[in-house]
Amino acid sequence: MSQPLQPAKLLATATLLLALNGCGEPGATSAAENIADSDITNNVTTALHQTSSLAQADITVVTKKGDVRLTGTLDSQAQIDDALGIARAANGAHTIHDELTLKNAQP
C-alpha cells in the first residue's frame, strides 16, 4: 500500500504540476494571438480600399499587438463610421483607436 501524501508534499506537487502545465491546454492560444499585426493591417487596408466610399480616402492603418489605430482626414462622419466598422470586423483586431477627423471640422 502506498503511504498518504503529507499536506506540504501535496501542495508542492500541485504547484509543480500547475507550473509545468500552465492554466490552459499546452500550446493553446486564442485565434487573435495567431494573427500577425502586419496581416491585420493588410486586411483592414484592403477592406478600406474595397469600400466604394473609402476607396480614395487617405487612411493610415497601424497595428501593434492587435490594437488597430486609424488616422486620417475624411469628408463625412459616414466615412468615419464605415472605416471604424471595417476595422472592428477585422480578424485579430482587439481594440480600435479612432484618430480620424473631418476635413471641414470647426475647432
N, C-alpha and C. Protein backbone atom coordinates (compact mmCIF):
# COMPACT_ATOMS: atom_id res chain seq x y z
N MET A 1 0.83 -1.18 0.00
CA MET A 1 0.00 0.00 0.00
C MET A 1 0.87 1.24 0.00
N SER A 2 0.32 2.25 -0.65
CA SER A 2 1.09 3.49 -0.68
C SER A 2 0.77 4.33 0.54
N GLN A 3 1.73 5.14 0.92
CA GLN A 3 1.61 5.99 2.09
C GLN A 3 0.90 7.29 1.67
N PRO A 4 -0.07 7.82 2.44
CA PRO A 4 -0.75 9.05 2.07
C PRO A 4 0.24 10.23 2.04
N LEU A 5 0.00 11.13 1.09
CA LEU A 5 0.86 12.30 0.97
C LEU A 5 0.60 13.27 2.12
N GLN A 6 1.65 13.84 2.62
CA GLN A 6 1.53 14.85 3.66
C GLN A 6 1.06 16.14 2.99
N PRO A 7 0.34 17.02 3.71
CA PRO A 7 -0.18 18.26 3.11
C PRO A 7 0.88 19.10 2.42
N ALA A 8 2.06 19.22 2.97
CA ALA A 8 3.12 20.03 2.37
C ALA A 8 3.58 19.42 1.05
N LYS A 9 3.72 18.11 1.01
CA LYS A 9 4.12 17.43 -0.23
C LYS A 9 3.03 17.53 -1.27
N LEU A 10 1.76 17.41 -0.85
CA LEU A 10 0.64 17.52 -1.76
C LEU A 10 0.60 18.91 -2.40
N LEU A 11 0.79 19.93 -1.59
CA LEU A 11 0.80 21.31 -2.08
C LEU A 11 1.96 21.53 -3.04
N ALA A 12 3.13 21.04 -2.72
CA ALA A 12 4.29 21.18 -3.58
C ALA A 12 4.07 20.47 -4.91
N THR A 13 3.49 19.29 -4.87
CA THR A 13 3.22 18.53 -6.09
C THR A 13 2.21 19.27 -6.97
N ALA A 14 1.15 19.77 -6.37
CA ALA A 14 0.13 20.51 -7.12
C ALA A 14 0.71 21.77 -7.75
N THR A 15 1.53 22.49 -7.01
CA THR A 15 2.16 23.70 -7.53
C THR A 15 3.07 23.38 -8.70
N LEU A 16 3.84 22.33 -8.58
CA LEU A 16 4.74 21.93 -9.65
C LEU A 16 3.97 21.53 -10.90
N LEU A 17 2.87 20.80 -10.74
CA LEU A 17 2.07 20.40 -11.89
C LEU A 17 1.45 21.61 -12.59
N LEU A 18 0.95 22.56 -11.82
CA LEU A 18 0.40 23.77 -12.41
C LEU A 18 1.47 24.57 -13.15
N ALA A 19 2.64 24.65 -12.59
CA ALA A 19 3.72 25.39 -13.22
C ALA A 19 4.14 24.74 -14.53
N LEU A 20 4.18 23.44 -14.54
CA LEU A 20 4.59 22.73 -15.76
C LEU A 20 3.53 22.76 -16.85
N ASN A 21 2.26 22.71 -16.46
CA ASN A 21 1.18 22.62 -17.44
C ASN A 21 0.56 23.97 -17.79
N GLY A 22 0.72 24.96 -16.98
CA GLY A 22 0.07 26.23 -17.23
C GLY A 22 -1.40 26.13 -16.87
N CYS A 23 -2.15 27.17 -17.14
CA CYS A 23 -3.55 27.19 -16.76
C CYS A 23 -4.46 26.63 -17.84
N GLY A 24 -4.00 26.54 -19.07
CA GLY A 24 -4.82 26.04 -20.16
C GLY A 24 -4.16 24.85 -20.80
N GLU A 25 -4.62 24.54 -21.99
CA GLU A 25 -4.00 23.44 -22.72
C GLU A 25 -2.61 23.85 -23.16
N PRO A 26 -1.66 22.92 -23.15
CA PRO A 26 -0.32 23.27 -23.59
C PRO A 26 -0.33 23.77 -25.03
N GLY A 27 0.28 24.91 -25.25
CA GLY A 27 0.38 25.47 -26.59
C GLY A 27 -0.88 26.14 -27.08
N ALA A 28 -1.92 26.22 -26.26
CA ALA A 28 -3.17 26.82 -26.69
C ALA A 28 -3.05 28.34 -26.69
N THR A 29 -3.51 28.95 -27.77
CA THR A 29 -3.56 30.40 -27.88
C THR A 29 -4.88 30.77 -28.51
N SER A 30 -5.31 31.99 -28.31
CA SER A 30 -6.54 32.41 -28.94
C SER A 30 -6.27 32.67 -30.42
N ALA A 31 -7.33 32.69 -31.21
CA ALA A 31 -7.18 32.91 -32.64
C ALA A 31 -6.55 34.27 -32.93
N ALA A 32 -6.90 35.28 -32.11
CA ALA A 32 -6.36 36.62 -32.33
C ALA A 32 -4.86 36.65 -32.13
N GLU A 33 -4.33 35.83 -31.23
CA GLU A 33 -2.90 35.82 -30.97
C GLU A 33 -2.12 35.21 -32.14
N ASN A 34 -2.79 34.43 -32.95
CA ASN A 34 -2.13 33.76 -34.07
C ASN A 34 -2.03 34.65 -35.30
N ILE A 35 -2.61 35.82 -35.28
CA ILE A 35 -2.62 36.70 -36.45
C ILE A 35 -1.58 37.79 -36.26
N ALA A 36 -0.68 37.90 -37.20
CA ALA A 36 0.38 38.90 -37.13
C ALA A 36 -0.20 40.30 -37.32
N ASP A 37 0.41 41.27 -36.66
CA ASP A 37 -0.02 42.66 -36.81
C ASP A 37 -0.02 43.09 -38.28
N SER A 38 0.97 42.67 -39.02
CA SER A 38 1.05 43.07 -40.43
C SER A 38 -0.13 42.49 -41.22
N ASP A 39 -0.59 41.29 -40.86
CA ASP A 39 -1.75 40.70 -41.53
C ASP A 39 -3.02 41.48 -41.20
N ILE A 40 -3.15 41.88 -39.94
CA ILE A 40 -4.33 42.68 -39.55
C ILE A 40 -4.33 44.00 -40.31
N THR A 41 -3.18 44.66 -40.36
CA THR A 41 -3.06 45.92 -41.09
C THR A 41 -3.41 45.74 -42.55
N ASN A 42 -2.88 44.70 -43.17
CA ASN A 42 -3.18 44.44 -44.59
C ASN A 42 -4.65 44.15 -44.80
N ASN A 43 -5.27 43.37 -43.91
CA ASN A 43 -6.69 43.06 -44.05
C ASN A 43 -7.56 44.31 -43.95
N VAL A 44 -7.25 45.18 -42.98
CA VAL A 44 -8.02 46.40 -42.81
C VAL A 44 -7.82 47.33 -44.00
N THR A 45 -6.58 47.51 -44.41
CA THR A 45 -6.28 48.40 -45.54
C THR A 45 -6.97 47.92 -46.81
N THR A 46 -6.91 46.63 -47.08
CA THR A 46 -7.56 46.07 -48.28
C THR A 46 -9.07 46.29 -48.22
N ALA A 47 -9.67 46.03 -47.07
CA ALA A 47 -11.12 46.22 -46.93
C ALA A 47 -11.51 47.68 -47.09
N LEU A 48 -10.69 48.60 -46.58
CA LEU A 48 -10.97 50.03 -46.75
C LEU A 48 -10.95 50.41 -48.22
N HIS A 49 -9.96 49.92 -48.96
CA HIS A 49 -9.84 50.26 -50.37
C HIS A 49 -10.91 49.59 -51.24
N GLN A 50 -11.49 48.51 -50.75
CA GLN A 50 -12.55 47.83 -51.50
C GLN A 50 -13.94 48.41 -51.22
N THR A 51 -14.01 49.34 -50.28
CA THR A 51 -15.27 50.01 -49.96
C THR A 51 -15.37 51.27 -50.80
N SER A 52 -16.43 51.36 -51.62
CA SER A 52 -16.51 52.46 -52.59
C SER A 52 -16.39 53.84 -51.95
N SER A 53 -17.00 54.05 -50.79
CA SER A 53 -16.95 55.37 -50.16
C SER A 53 -15.58 55.70 -49.57
N LEU A 54 -14.73 54.68 -49.42
CA LEU A 54 -13.41 54.90 -48.81
C LEU A 54 -12.25 54.60 -49.76
N ALA A 55 -12.55 54.22 -50.99
CA ALA A 55 -11.51 53.79 -51.93
C ALA A 55 -10.44 54.85 -52.14
N GLN A 56 -10.83 56.11 -52.14
CA GLN A 56 -9.87 57.19 -52.37
C GLN A 56 -9.45 57.90 -51.08
N ALA A 57 -9.93 57.42 -49.97
CA ALA A 57 -9.63 58.06 -48.68
C ALA A 57 -8.17 57.81 -48.28
N ASP A 58 -7.60 58.80 -47.63
CA ASP A 58 -6.23 58.69 -47.13
C ASP A 58 -6.27 58.31 -45.65
N ILE A 59 -6.31 57.00 -45.40
CA ILE A 59 -6.39 56.49 -44.04
C ILE A 59 -5.14 55.66 -43.77
N THR A 60 -4.46 55.99 -42.69
CA THR A 60 -3.28 55.21 -42.29
C THR A 60 -3.72 54.20 -41.23
N VAL A 61 -3.31 52.95 -41.43
CA VAL A 61 -3.65 51.88 -40.50
C VAL A 61 -2.35 51.36 -39.89
N VAL A 62 -2.27 51.38 -38.57
CA VAL A 62 -1.10 50.86 -37.85
C VAL A 62 -1.62 49.90 -36.78
N THR A 63 -1.02 48.73 -36.73
CA THR A 63 -1.44 47.72 -35.75
C THR A 63 -0.27 47.34 -34.87
N LYS A 64 -0.52 47.31 -33.57
CA LYS A 64 0.50 46.89 -32.61
C LYS A 64 -0.17 46.00 -31.57
N LYS A 65 0.25 44.75 -31.53
CA LYS A 65 -0.30 43.76 -30.60
C LYS A 65 -1.81 43.65 -30.71
N GLY A 66 -2.32 43.73 -31.93
CA GLY A 66 -3.75 43.59 -32.16
C GLY A 66 -4.55 44.87 -31.99
N ASP A 67 -3.92 45.94 -31.52
CA ASP A 67 -4.60 47.22 -31.38
C ASP A 67 -4.43 47.99 -32.69
N VAL A 68 -5.54 48.34 -33.32
CA VAL A 68 -5.53 49.00 -34.62
C VAL A 68 -5.77 50.49 -34.44
N ARG A 69 -4.89 51.30 -35.02
CA ARG A 69 -5.02 52.76 -34.97
C ARG A 69 -5.30 53.28 -36.38
N LEU A 70 -6.40 54.01 -36.52
CA LEU A 70 -6.75 54.62 -37.79
C LEU A 70 -6.53 56.12 -37.70
N THR A 71 -5.76 56.67 -38.63
CA THR A 71 -5.56 58.11 -38.67
C THR A 71 -5.83 58.60 -40.09
N GLY A 72 -6.32 59.81 -40.19
CA GLY A 72 -6.59 60.40 -41.49
C GLY A 72 -7.69 61.44 -41.38
N THR A 73 -7.92 62.11 -42.50
CA THR A 73 -8.95 63.14 -42.56
C THR A 73 -9.94 62.74 -43.66
N LEU A 74 -11.21 62.67 -43.29
CA LEU A 74 -12.24 62.22 -44.21
C LEU A 74 -13.28 63.31 -44.44
N ASP A 75 -14.12 63.09 -45.48
CA ASP A 75 -15.12 64.09 -45.87
C ASP A 75 -16.38 64.09 -45.02
N SER A 76 -16.73 62.93 -44.44
CA SER A 76 -18.00 62.86 -43.73
C SER A 76 -17.91 61.92 -42.53
N GLN A 77 -18.86 62.11 -41.61
CA GLN A 77 -18.94 61.22 -40.46
C GLN A 77 -19.31 59.81 -40.91
N ALA A 78 -20.08 59.70 -41.99
CA ALA A 78 -20.44 58.38 -42.51
C ALA A 78 -19.20 57.60 -42.93
N GLN A 79 -18.23 58.29 -43.54
CA GLN A 79 -16.97 57.63 -43.92
C GLN A 79 -16.21 57.16 -42.68
N ILE A 80 -16.18 57.99 -41.65
CA ILE A 80 -15.50 57.61 -40.41
C ILE A 80 -16.18 56.38 -39.82
N ASP A 81 -17.51 56.39 -39.78
CA ASP A 81 -18.25 55.26 -39.24
C ASP A 81 -17.97 53.99 -40.04
N ASP A 82 -17.93 54.11 -41.38
CA ASP A 82 -17.63 52.95 -42.23
C ASP A 82 -16.24 52.40 -41.93
N ALA A 83 -15.26 53.29 -41.83
CA ALA A 83 -13.88 52.87 -41.57
C ALA A 83 -13.75 52.17 -40.22
N LEU A 84 -14.41 52.70 -39.21
CA LEU A 84 -14.36 52.09 -37.88
C LEU A 84 -15.03 50.71 -37.89
N GLY A 85 -16.14 50.60 -38.61
CA GLY A 85 -16.83 49.32 -38.70
C GLY A 85 -15.97 48.26 -39.38
N ILE A 86 -15.26 48.66 -40.42
CA ILE A 86 -14.36 47.74 -41.13
C ILE A 86 -13.24 47.29 -40.20
N ALA A 87 -12.66 48.22 -39.47
CA ALA A 87 -11.56 47.88 -38.56
C ALA A 87 -12.04 46.96 -37.44
N ARG A 88 -13.23 47.23 -36.92
CA ARG A 88 -13.77 46.38 -35.84
C ARG A 88 -14.02 44.95 -36.32
N ALA A 89 -14.36 44.81 -37.60
CA ALA A 89 -14.67 43.49 -38.16
C ALA A 89 -13.42 42.70 -38.54
N ALA A 90 -12.27 43.33 -38.50
CA ALA A 90 -11.03 42.67 -38.92
C ALA A 90 -10.68 41.53 -37.97
N ASN A 91 -10.37 40.41 -38.53
CA ASN A 91 -9.97 39.24 -37.75
C ASN A 91 -8.67 39.54 -37.02
N GLY A 92 -8.67 39.38 -35.70
CA GLY A 92 -7.46 39.60 -34.90
C GLY A 92 -7.39 40.96 -34.24
N ALA A 93 -8.25 41.89 -34.63
CA ALA A 93 -8.22 43.23 -34.03
C ALA A 93 -8.81 43.17 -32.63
N HIS A 94 -8.08 43.71 -31.64
CA HIS A 94 -8.55 43.73 -30.26
C HIS A 94 -9.28 45.04 -29.97
N THR A 95 -8.60 46.13 -30.21
CA THR A 95 -9.09 47.46 -29.88
C THR A 95 -8.87 48.36 -31.09
N ILE A 96 -9.83 49.27 -31.32
CA ILE A 96 -9.71 50.22 -32.42
C ILE A 96 -9.52 51.61 -31.81
N HIS A 97 -8.45 52.28 -32.23
CA HIS A 97 -8.17 53.65 -31.79
C HIS A 97 -8.54 54.58 -32.93
N ASP A 98 -9.54 55.41 -32.72
CA ASP A 98 -10.07 56.31 -33.75
C ASP A 98 -9.38 57.66 -33.67
N GLU A 99 -8.53 57.92 -34.65
CA GLU A 99 -7.91 59.24 -34.78
C GLU A 99 -8.28 59.86 -36.11
N LEU A 100 -9.47 59.51 -36.60
CA LEU A 100 -9.97 60.04 -37.86
C LEU A 100 -10.68 61.37 -37.59
N THR A 101 -10.47 62.33 -38.48
CA THR A 101 -11.09 63.64 -38.33
C THR A 101 -11.81 64.04 -39.61
N LEU A 102 -12.68 65.03 -39.49
CA LEU A 102 -13.40 65.57 -40.64
C LEU A 102 -12.60 66.71 -41.25
N LYS A 103 -12.59 66.79 -42.59
CA LYS A 103 -11.82 67.83 -43.28
C LYS A 103 -12.27 69.23 -42.91
N ASN A 104 -13.55 69.45 -42.85
CA ASN A 104 -14.05 70.81 -42.60
C ASN A 104 -14.55 71.00 -41.18
N ALA A 105 -14.00 70.26 -40.25
CA ALA A 105 -14.44 70.36 -38.85
C ALA A 105 -14.01 71.69 -38.27
N GLN A 106 -14.93 72.31 -37.54
CA GLN A 106 -14.64 73.57 -36.87
C GLN A 106 -13.98 73.26 -35.53
N PRO A 107 -12.87 73.93 -35.19
CA PRO A 107 -12.21 73.67 -33.90
C PRO A 107 -13.02 74.14 -32.73
